[in-house]
Amino acid sequence: MNIPHLSVVSPVYKAEAIVHLLVEQLVECLEAITTDYEIVLVEDGSPDKSWLEIQKQCEKNKKVKGIKLSRNFGQHYAITAGIEHALGDWVVVMDCDLQDRPQEIKNLYNKAQDGFNIVLARRYERKDGLLKKSSSKLFYTILSYLTGTKQDPSIA
């Protein structure tokens, strides 16, 4: 079995309409870095047809792997499941909604090649609605309080 050099893990929830776009953009960006990669899509108990779309992508491209969770466990558990199944020397975690731009993977990878074990990205502009932005701000405020450290909500 060939162990991939680079893995991308993406939790998928209510994304049946964009799974194919995610995979297309990832393939294009990853091919510019290496042909030795895998894409791990973790369906997190989505009520739509996201799993069917993931299966279609797996059939089209053997570098796409699908994991279906038995129910909705939440984004962090889906990410953990994906990381546990990822085989790459390097693992990129990104949301499936394309707000995290696949084109930035090359920059992250290049920085990792400079000797960093962990590389984070900062969002300069979020396209989320008011409710999402507000709940995110509340989450990071509470997390900062509970951990006694300042958390930066723009870090992805």
Protein backbone atom coordinates (compact mmCIF):
# COMPACT_ATOMS: atom_id res chain seq x y z
CA MET A 1 0.00 0.00 0.00
CA ASN A 2 1.32 3.41 -0.98
CA ILE A 3 1.40 5.84 1.95
CA PRO A 4 0.45 9.35 0.78
CA HIS A 5 2.71 12.29 1.46
CA LEU A 6 -0.15 14.73 2.04
CA SER A 7 -3.66 14.18 3.43
CA VAL A 8 -6.54 16.65 3.53
CA VAL A 9 -9.28 15.94 6.08
CA SER A 10 -12.62 17.70 5.75
CA PRO A 11 -15.74 17.16 7.88
CA VAL A 12 -18.85 17.23 5.71
CA TYR A 13 -22.28 18.31 6.92
CA LYS A 14 -25.15 19.60 4.76
CA ALA A 15 -22.81 19.98 1.80
CA GLU A 16 -24.25 17.80 -0.94
CA ALA A 17 -24.27 20.72 -3.38
CA ILE A 18 -20.59 21.57 -2.95
CA VAL A 19 -18.75 18.30 -2.26
CA HIS A 20 -17.82 17.99 -5.94
CA LEU A 21 -16.49 21.58 -5.98
CA LEU A 22 -14.44 20.91 -2.87
CA VAL A 23 -12.88 17.82 -4.41
CA GLU A 24 -12.23 19.55 -7.75
CA GLN A 25 -10.45 22.46 -6.08
CA LEU A 26 -8.50 20.20 -3.74
CA VAL A 27 -7.32 17.97 -6.57
CA GLU A 28 -6.17 20.97 -8.59
CA CYS A 29 -4.26 22.46 -5.64
CA LEU A 30 -2.80 19.19 -4.38
CA GLU A 31 -1.60 18.13 -7.84
CA ALA A 32 0.47 21.34 -7.92
CA ILE A 33 2.27 20.16 -4.76
CA THR A 34 2.45 16.38 -5.19
CA THR A 35 0.64 13.52 -6.88
CA ASP A 36 1.05 11.56 -3.67
CA TYR A 37 -2.00 12.70 -1.67
CA GLU A 38 -5.36 11.62 -0.31
CA ILE A 39 -8.57 13.49 0.45
CA VAL A 40 -10.50 12.20 3.48
CA LEU A 41 -14.12 13.35 3.62
CA VAL A 42 -15.95 12.60 6.86
CA GLU A 43 -19.74 12.67 6.61
CA ASP A 44 -21.01 13.72 10.02
CA GLY A 45 -24.58 12.37 10.04
CA SER A 46 -25.77 14.95 7.55
CA PRO A 47 -29.54 14.96 6.87
CA ASP A 48 -29.02 15.64 3.15
CA LYS A 49 -27.38 13.51 0.44
CA SER A 50 -23.81 14.45 1.32
CA TRP A 51 -22.84 10.79 1.73
CA LEU A 52 -24.06 9.95 -1.79
CA GLU A 53 -21.94 12.81 -3.16
CA ILE A 54 -18.91 11.58 -1.23
CA GLN A 55 -19.44 8.08 -2.64
CA LYS A 56 -19.59 9.52 -6.17
CA GLN A 57 -16.30 11.33 -5.62
CA CYS A 58 -14.70 8.15 -4.25
CA GLU A 59 -15.78 6.26 -7.37
CA LYS A 60 -14.38 8.99 -9.65
CA ASN A 61 -11.05 9.35 -7.86
CA LYS A 62 -9.35 6.61 -5.83
CA LYS A 63 -7.45 9.28 -3.88
CA VAL A 64 -10.73 10.36 -2.28
CA LYS A 65 -11.70 8.40 0.82
CA GLY A 66 -15.07 8.59 2.56
CA ILE A 67 -15.93 7.96 6.18
CA LYS A 68 -19.56 7.90 7.30
CA LEU A 69 -20.27 8.47 10.97
CA SER A 70 -23.31 6.68 12.42
CA ARG A 71 -24.90 9.99 13.50
CA ASN A 72 -24.06 13.67 13.88
CA PHE A 73 -21.27 13.83 16.46
CA GLY A 74 -20.15 17.36 15.59
CA GLN A 75 -17.31 18.89 13.65
CA HIS A 76 -14.53 18.16 16.13
CA TYR A 77 -15.34 14.46 16.37
CA ALA A 78 -15.56 14.27 12.57
CA ILE A 79 -12.14 15.90 12.28
CA THR A 80 -10.73 13.46 14.85
CA ALA A 81 -12.13 10.50 12.90
CA GLY A 82 -10.60 11.86 9.70
CA ILE A 83 -7.19 12.41 11.29
CA GLU A 84 -7.26 8.88 12.70
CA HIS A 85 -7.78 7.52 9.18
CA ALA A 86 -5.40 9.90 7.40
CA LEU A 87 -2.19 8.23 6.28
CA GLY A 88 -0.20 11.23 5.05
CA ASP A 89 3.10 12.48 6.40
CA TRP A 90 1.40 15.90 6.49
CA VAL A 91 -2.28 16.47 7.31
CA VAL A 92 -4.33 19.54 6.43
CA VAL A 93 -7.70 20.02 8.13
CA MET A 94 -10.22 22.29 6.44
CA ASP A 95 -13.95 22.93 6.41
CA CYS A 96 -15.93 21.71 3.42
CA ASP A 97 -17.74 25.00 2.76
CA LEU A 98 -14.80 26.43 0.76
CA GLN A 99 -14.42 29.42 3.08
CA ASP A 100 -11.04 27.86 3.83
CA ARG A 101 -9.48 28.24 0.40
CA PRO A 102 -7.79 25.09 -0.94
CA GLN A 103 -5.39 27.39 -2.81
CA GLU A 104 -3.80 28.26 0.56
CA ILE A 105 -2.69 24.66 1.14
CA LYS A 106 0.47 25.25 -0.90
CA ASN A 107 1.43 28.19 1.34
CA LEU A 108 0.82 26.12 4.47
CA TYR A 109 2.78 23.20 3.04
CA ASN A 110 5.70 25.42 2.04
CA LYS A 111 5.83 26.89 5.55
CA ALA A 112 5.82 23.37 7.01
CA GLN A 113 8.76 22.53 4.73
CA ASP A 114 10.65 25.41 6.38
CA GLY A 115 10.79 23.25 9.51
CA PHE A 116 7.51 23.94 11.31
CA ASN A 117 5.58 20.98 12.75
CA ILE A 118 2.29 22.89 12.97
CA VAL A 119 1.15 25.68 10.68
CA LEU A 120 -2.05 27.65 11.25
CA ALA A 121 -3.90 30.03 8.95
CA ARG A 122 -5.54 33.32 9.86
CA ARG A 123 -8.79 34.45 8.26
CA TYR A 124 -8.90 38.12 7.40
CA GLU A 125 -12.52 38.14 6.34
CA ARG A 126 -15.25 35.71 7.34
CA LYS A 127 -18.27 35.22 5.13
CA ASP A 128 -20.40 33.89 7.97
CA GLY A 129 -23.72 35.42 8.95
CA LEU A 130 -24.28 37.49 12.06
CA LEU A 131 -25.45 34.50 14.16
CA LYS A 132 -22.40 32.42 13.26
CA LYS A 133 -20.01 35.32 13.89
CA SER A 134 -21.69 36.10 17.22
CA SER A 135 -21.69 32.50 18.43
CA SER A 136 -18.07 32.10 17.35
CA LYS A 137 -17.08 35.25 19.26
CA LEU A 138 -18.92 33.96 22.35
CA PHE A 139 -17.22 30.56 22.04
CA TYR A 140 -13.73 32.09 21.89
CA THR A 141 -14.50 34.46 24.76
CA ILE A 142 -15.58 31.53 26.96
CA LEU A 143 -12.63 29.42 25.79
CA SER A 144 -10.24 32.26 26.62
CA TYR A 145 -11.78 32.58 30.08
CA LEU A 146 -11.71 28.83 30.80
CA THR A 147 -8.15 28.30 29.56
CA GLY A 148 -6.72 31.53 30.97
CA THR A 149 -5.23 32.29 27.55
CA LYS A 150 -6.23 34.72 24.84
CA GLN A 151 -7.76 32.86 21.90
CA ASP A 152 -7.70 34.31 18.40
CA PRO A 153 -10.98 33.56 16.57
CA SER A 154 -9.39 34.34 13.19
CA ILE A 155 -7.09 31.31 13.41
CA ALA A 156 -8.22 28.38 11.30
